[in-house]
Amino acid sequence: MALDDLQTHQLAQIIAQATAPSFLLGAVSGFVAVLMGRMNGVIDRIRVINAIADDDARGHLKTDLPRLKRRAKLLNDAIYLAVGAAICTTLLVILAFASALLGLHHEPGAAVMFVLALALMCAALVTLAREVRMALTDYDHVG
């Protein structure tokens, strides 16, 4: 098999193997959208509570601000972890195609990048679970 044929075959194989990382990238982007939506809700709630005057009957809601700030911090951490997973996945696809063009074996590097991307995604999911646990209290159901 000629060198060009070998590289073409390897490139075709890389394209076929890029399907799983592409699905992961799509899932991560949807997950980041969900996280951003939750973050916007928490930030909006913080703004509404901060706008309440101290002598207002709803002034007691201000005691919930520390919890809301912890939720925002967890969501921010989850967003960074998910973006890290997306970056690793993107680098994985770049690594695979670059190694195919250069005729190099990419499997060890691809495996490390994929495991790292999945570990970051798992950490983002765990962080989201922590935020969800803290999300619902009586304060969230009061006007």
Protein backbone atom coordinates (compact mmCIF):
# COMPACT_ATOMS: atom_id res chain seq x y z
CA MET A 1 0.00 0.00 0.00
CA ALA A 2 1.44 3.39 -0.97
CA LEU A 3 1.93 6.12 1.62
CA ASP A 4 -0.90 8.22 0.13
CA ASP A 5 -3.25 5.23 0.24
CA LEU A 6 -2.28 4.55 3.86
CA GLN A 7 -2.93 8.16 4.85
CA THR A 8 -6.25 8.20 2.97
CA HIS A 9 -7.31 4.98 4.67
CA GLN A 10 -6.24 6.35 8.07
CA LEU A 11 -8.07 9.64 7.41
CA ALA A 12 -11.26 7.78 6.46
CA GLN A 13 -10.95 5.77 9.65
CA ILE A 14 -10.50 8.98 11.70
CA ILE A 15 -13.62 10.49 10.14
CA ALA A 16 -15.59 7.40 11.14
CA GLN A 17 -14.12 7.48 14.65
CA ALA A 18 -14.88 11.20 15.09
CA THR A 19 -18.58 10.38 15.41
CA ALA A 20 -18.49 9.62 19.15
CA PRO A 21 -16.57 12.79 20.07
CA SER A 22 -18.96 14.78 17.86
CA PHE A 23 -21.96 13.42 19.76
CA LEU A 24 -20.20 14.19 23.04
CA LEU A 25 -19.54 17.74 21.84
CA GLY A 26 -23.23 18.15 20.97
CA ALA A 27 -24.29 16.82 24.37
CA VAL A 28 -21.84 19.11 26.17
CA SER A 29 -23.12 22.16 24.28
CA GLY A 30 -26.71 21.31 25.25
CA PHE A 31 -25.62 20.78 28.83
CA VAL A 32 -23.87 24.16 28.91
CA ALA A 33 -27.09 25.76 27.63
CA VAL A 34 -29.01 24.15 30.53
CA LEU A 35 -26.39 25.35 33.01
CA MET A 36 -26.52 28.89 31.59
CA GLY A 37 -30.31 28.89 31.91
CA ARG A 38 -30.08 27.85 35.55
CA MET A 39 -27.38 30.45 36.17
CA ASN A 40 -29.54 33.19 34.63
CA GLY A 41 -32.42 32.17 36.90
CA VAL A 42 -30.24 32.35 40.00
CA ILE A 43 -28.73 35.71 38.97
CA ASP A 44 -32.21 37.11 38.26
CA ARG A 45 -33.40 35.95 41.68
CA ILE A 46 -30.38 37.59 43.35
CA ARG A 47 -31.14 40.86 41.53
CA VAL A 48 -34.82 40.78 42.56
CA ILE A 49 -33.94 40.09 46.19
CA ASN A 50 -31.27 42.80 46.23
CA ALA A 51 -33.88 45.27 44.92
CA ILE A 52 -36.18 44.65 47.91
CA ALA A 53 -36.09 47.49 50.41
CA ASP A 54 -35.05 46.59 53.96
CA ASP A 55 -38.39 47.78 55.37
CA ASP A 56 -40.39 45.75 52.84
CA ALA A 57 -42.47 42.85 54.17
CA ARG A 58 -40.42 40.55 51.92
CA GLY A 59 -37.14 41.75 53.44
CA HIS A 60 -36.70 38.35 55.12
CA LEU A 61 -35.93 36.91 51.68
CA LYS A 62 -32.51 38.61 51.83
CA THR A 63 -31.38 35.89 54.23
CA ASP A 64 -31.43 33.58 51.19
CA LEU A 65 -28.71 35.52 49.36
CA PRO A 66 -25.76 33.44 50.67
CA ARG A 67 -27.44 30.23 49.45
CA LEU A 68 -28.15 31.78 46.06
CA LYS A 69 -24.53 32.91 45.78
CA ARG A 70 -23.34 29.36 46.60
CA ARG A 71 -25.65 28.04 43.88
CA ALA A 72 -24.25 30.56 41.40
CA LYS A 73 -20.71 29.50 42.32
CA LEU A 74 -21.56 25.81 41.81
CA LEU A 75 -23.17 26.56 38.45
CA ASN A 76 -20.17 28.63 37.42
CA ASP A 77 -17.87 25.74 38.35
CA ALA A 78 -20.04 23.30 36.39
CA ILE A 79 -19.95 25.58 33.34
CA TYR A 80 -16.15 25.75 33.46
CA LEU A 81 -15.89 21.97 33.82
CA ALA A 82 -18.27 21.39 30.91
CA VAL A 83 -16.40 23.88 28.74
CA GLY A 84 -13.20 22.05 29.68
CA ALA A 85 -14.81 18.82 28.48
CA ALA A 86 -15.75 20.52 25.21
CA ILE A 87 -12.21 21.83 24.74
CA CYS A 88 -10.74 18.37 25.38
CA THR A 89 -13.19 16.83 22.92
CA THR A 90 -12.33 19.43 20.28
CA LEU A 91 -8.61 18.86 20.83
CA LEU A 92 -9.24 15.13 20.54
CA VAL A 93 -10.75 15.55 17.08
CA ILE A 94 -7.94 17.92 16.05
CA LEU A 95 -5.34 15.45 17.35
CA ALA A 96 -6.95 12.60 15.45
CA PHE A 97 -7.05 14.45 12.14
CA ALA A 98 -3.57 15.94 12.52
CA SER A 99 -2.07 12.55 13.31
CA ALA A 100 -3.88 11.01 10.33
CA LEU A 101 -2.46 13.67 8.04
CA LEU A 102 1.02 13.08 9.42
CA GLY A 103 0.63 9.29 9.39
CA LEU A 104 1.09 8.96 13.15
CA HIS A 105 -0.68 6.64 15.56
CA HIS A 106 -3.11 8.69 17.58
CA GLU A 107 -4.82 6.05 19.72
CA PRO A 108 -2.93 6.61 23.01
CA GLY A 109 -3.34 10.38 22.88
CA ALA A 110 -6.97 10.09 21.78
CA ALA A 111 -7.73 7.73 24.64
CA VAL A 112 -6.21 10.12 27.18
CA MET A 113 -8.11 13.11 25.75
CA PHE A 114 -11.41 11.19 25.66
CA VAL A 115 -11.00 9.98 29.26
CA LEU A 116 -10.14 13.52 30.36
CA ALA A 117 -13.18 14.93 28.54
CA LEU A 118 -15.46 12.36 30.16
CA ALA A 119 -13.93 12.99 33.60
CA LEU A 120 -14.55 16.73 33.24
CA MET A 121 -18.11 16.07 32.09
CA CYS A 122 -18.66 13.77 35.06
CA ALA A 123 -17.33 16.44 37.43
CA ALA A 124 -19.69 18.99 35.83
CA LEU A 125 -22.64 16.63 36.33
CA VAL A 126 -21.72 16.02 39.97
CA THR A 127 -21.43 19.77 40.51
CA LEU A 128 -24.86 20.25 38.93
CA ALA A 129 -26.26 17.56 41.23
CA ARG A 130 -24.88 19.47 44.23
CA GLU A 131 -26.54 22.66 42.98
CA VAL A 132 -29.86 20.91 42.35
CA ARG A 133 -29.82 19.51 45.89
CA MET A 134 -29.46 23.01 47.28
CA ALA A 135 -31.90 24.58 44.78
CA LEU A 136 -35.32 23.97 46.28
CA THR A 137 -36.22 25.60 49.55
CA ASP A 138 -39.27 27.36 50.88
CA TYR A 139 -37.78 30.66 49.67
CA ASP A 140 -38.07 29.56 46.06
CA HIS A 141 -41.84 29.31 46.35
CA VAL A 142 -42.44 32.72 47.93
CA GLY A 143 -43.32 35.71 45.72
